[in-house]
Amino acid sequence: MENVEIVRCYCFNPLCKSSIFASKKNTTVFEPLSRVMSEQIRCKYCNEELVSKPLLKIKNQINGCLHDDVQADASVVDKNSISYLFETISQ
């Protein structure tokens, strides 16, 4: 039998009845890690994207790398210019 890692996914929509903000009704969705990493998992009640810890970690790492890259380039170019911001986004 194949070993599949299961992760917990949560809805963060404050208006949804199954979100983490709904007291005593929050619905945890269990999904295989491979599915969480390859596609968007949606809440069956509000259709918002569900959030999982592994996905949050990856997004934080990407944001950190982008922030570091912007900081490294800032010493060469005016970091407040609009053209600079669009250049770093498109790269």
C-alpha atoms as a PDB file:
ATOM      1  CA  MET A   1       0.000   0.000   0.000  1.00  0.00           C
ATOM      2  CA  GLU A   2       1.272   3.478  -0.931  1.00  0.00           C
ATOM      3  CA  ASN A   3       2.278   5.834   1.886  1.00  0.00           C
ATOM      4  CA  VAL A   4       0.344   9.100   1.420  1.00  0.00           C
ATOM      5  CA  GLU A   5       0.877  12.128   3.634  1.00  0.00           C
ATOM      6  CA  ILE A   6      -2.384  13.774   4.628  1.00  0.00           C
ATOM      7  CA  VAL A   7      -2.500  17.489   5.543  1.00  0.00           C
ATOM      8  CA  ARG A   8      -5.202  19.613   7.126  1.00  0.00           C
ATOM      9  CA  CYS A   9      -6.761  22.446   5.140  1.00  0.00           C
ATOM     10  CA  TYR A  10      -8.838  25.253   6.614  1.00  0.00           C
ATOM     11  CA  CYS A  11     -11.206  27.906   5.336  1.00  0.00           C
ATOM     12  CA  PHE A  12     -10.320  31.444   6.413  1.00  0.00           C
ATOM     13  CA  ASN A  13     -13.372  33.193   4.985  1.00  0.00           C
ATOM     14  CA  PRO A  14     -14.967  34.949   7.994  1.00  0.00           C
ATOM     15  CA  LEU A  15     -18.411  34.751   6.357  1.00  0.00           C
ATOM     16  CA  CYS A  16     -18.300  30.997   5.780  1.00  0.00           C
ATOM     17  CA  LYS A  17     -20.072  28.661   8.179  1.00  0.00           C
ATOM     18  CA  SER A  18     -17.178  26.193   8.056  1.00  0.00           C
ATOM     19  CA  SER A  19     -14.311  28.670   8.506  1.00  0.00           C
ATOM     20  CA  ILE A  20     -11.978  28.752  11.476  1.00  0.00           C
ATOM     21  CA  PHE A  21     -13.848  31.870  12.597  1.00  0.00           C
ATOM     22  CA  ALA A  22     -17.131  29.996  13.005  1.00  0.00           C
ATOM     23  CA  SER A  23     -17.086  28.945  16.629  1.00  0.00           C
ATOM     24  CA  LYS A  24     -17.455  25.204  17.201  1.00  0.00           C
ATOM     25  CA  LYS A  25     -18.374  24.563  13.570  1.00  0.00           C
ATOM     26  CA  ASN A  26     -15.024  24.862  11.829  1.00  0.00           C
ATOM     27  CA  THR A  27     -14.566  22.067   9.349  1.00  0.00           C
ATOM     28  CA  THR A  28     -11.106  20.645   8.833  1.00  0.00           C
ATOM     29  CA  VAL A  29     -10.584  19.142   5.396  1.00  0.00           C
ATOM     30  CA  PHE A  30      -8.036  16.360   5.118  1.00  0.00           C
ATOM     31  CA  GLU A  31      -6.314  16.099   1.728  1.00  0.00           C
ATOM     32  CA  PRO A  32      -3.238  14.329   0.367  1.00  0.00           C
ATOM     33  CA  LEU A  33      -0.181  16.572   0.300  1.00  0.00           C
ATOM     34  CA  SER A  34       0.334  15.846  -3.398  1.00  0.00           C
ATOM     35  CA  ARG A  35      -3.126  17.218  -4.213  1.00  0.00           C
ATOM     36  CA  VAL A  36      -2.655  20.304  -2.010  1.00  0.00           C
ATOM     37  CA  MET A  37       0.616  21.091  -3.796  1.00  0.00           C
ATOM     38  CA  SER A  38      -0.692  20.522  -7.305  1.00  0.00           C
ATOM     39  CA  GLU A  39      -4.114  22.177  -7.296  1.00  0.00           C
ATOM     40  CA  GLN A  40      -6.259  24.628  -5.383  1.00  0.00           C
ATOM     41  CA  ILE A  41      -8.495  22.992  -2.796  1.00  0.00           C
ATOM     42  CA  ARG A  42     -11.747  24.905  -2.377  1.00  0.00           C
ATOM     43  CA  CYS A  43     -14.242  25.118   0.466  1.00  0.00           C
ATOM     44  CA  LYS A  44     -17.409  23.223  -0.369  1.00  0.00           C
ATOM     45  CA  TYR A  45     -19.543  25.914   1.312  1.00  0.00           C
ATOM     46  CA  CYS A  46     -18.088  29.225   0.066  1.00  0.00           C
ATOM     47  CA  ASN A  47     -15.710  28.136  -2.734  1.00  0.00           C
ATOM     48  CA  GLU A  48     -12.757  30.049  -1.225  1.00  0.00           C
ATOM     49  CA  GLU A  49      -9.296  28.505  -1.456  1.00  0.00           C
ATOM     50  CA  LEU A  50      -8.450  26.418   1.612  1.00  0.00           C
ATOM     51  CA  VAL A  51      -5.165  27.059   3.407  1.00  0.00           C
ATOM     52  CA  SER A  52      -2.739  24.406   4.628  1.00  0.00           C
ATOM     53  CA  LYS A  53       0.449  24.732   6.655  1.00  0.00           C
ATOM     54  CA  PRO A  54       2.803  23.331   3.957  1.00  0.00           C
ATOM     55  CA  LEU A  55       1.401  25.732   1.373  1.00  0.00           C
ATOM     56  CA  LEU A  56       1.772  28.685   3.758  1.00  0.00           C
ATOM     57  CA  LYS A  57       5.403  27.749   4.396  1.00  0.00           C
ATOM     58  CA  ILE A  58       6.177  27.655   0.685  1.00  0.00           C
ATOM     59  CA  LYS A  59       4.440  30.993   0.046  1.00  0.00           C
ATOM     60  CA  ASN A  60       6.408  32.566   2.926  1.00  0.00           C
ATOM     61  CA  GLN A  61       9.679  31.226   1.503  1.00  0.00           C
ATOM     62  CA  ILE A  62       8.865  32.631  -1.940  1.00  0.00           C
ATOM     63  CA  ASN A  63       7.921  36.006  -0.462  1.00  0.00           C
ATOM     64  CA  GLY A  64      11.145  36.000   1.546  1.00  0.00           C
ATOM     65  CA  CYS A  65      13.219  35.290  -1.565  1.00  0.00           C
ATOM     66  CA  LEU A  66      11.432  38.026  -3.496  1.00  0.00           C
ATOM     67  CA  HIS A  67      11.970  40.454  -0.610  1.00  0.00           C
ATOM     68  CA  ASP A  68      15.683  39.564  -0.431  1.00  0.00           C
ATOM     69  CA  ASP A  69      16.044  40.064  -4.193  1.00  0.00           C
ATOM     70  CA  VAL A  70      14.359  43.462  -4.035  1.00  0.00           C
ATOM     71  CA  GLN A  71      16.600  44.504  -1.128  1.00  0.00           C
ATOM     72  CA  ALA A  72      19.741  43.455  -3.029  1.00  0.00           C
ATOM     73  CA  ASP A  73      18.731  45.445  -6.115  1.00  0.00           C
ATOM     74  CA  ALA A  74      17.633  48.486  -4.086  1.00  0.00           C
ATOM     75  CA  SER A  75      21.183  49.674  -3.545  1.00  0.00           C
ATOM     76  CA  VAL A  76      21.689  50.047  -7.307  1.00  0.00           C
ATOM     77  CA  VAL A  77      18.318  51.464  -8.383  1.00  0.00           C
ATOM     78  CA  ASP A  78      15.809  53.812  -6.761  1.00  0.00           C
ATOM     79  CA  LYS A  79      13.522  51.334  -5.018  1.00  0.00           C
ATOM     80  CA  ASN A  80      10.659  53.843  -4.859  1.00  0.00           C
ATOM     81  CA  SER A  81      10.311  54.228  -8.610  1.00  0.00           C
ATOM     82  CA  ILE A  82       7.313  52.617 -10.295  1.00  0.00           C
ATOM     83  CA  SER A  83       9.405  51.315 -13.185  1.00  0.00           C
ATOM     84  CA  TYR A  84      11.726  49.558 -10.727  1.00  0.00           C
ATOM     85  CA  LEU A  85       8.822  47.802  -9.013  1.00  0.00           C
ATOM     86  CA  PHE A  86       7.415  46.561 -12.320  1.00  0.00           C
ATOM     87  CA  GLU A  87      10.840  45.382 -13.475  1.00  0.00           C
ATOM     88  CA  THR A  88      11.348  43.207 -10.387  1.00  0.00           C
ATOM     89  CA  ILE A  89       7.854  41.745 -10.676  1.00  0.00           C
ATOM     90  CA  SER A  90       8.307  40.790 -14.328  1.00  0.00           C
ATOM     91  CA  GLN A  91      11.646  39.063 -13.753  1.00  0.00           C
END
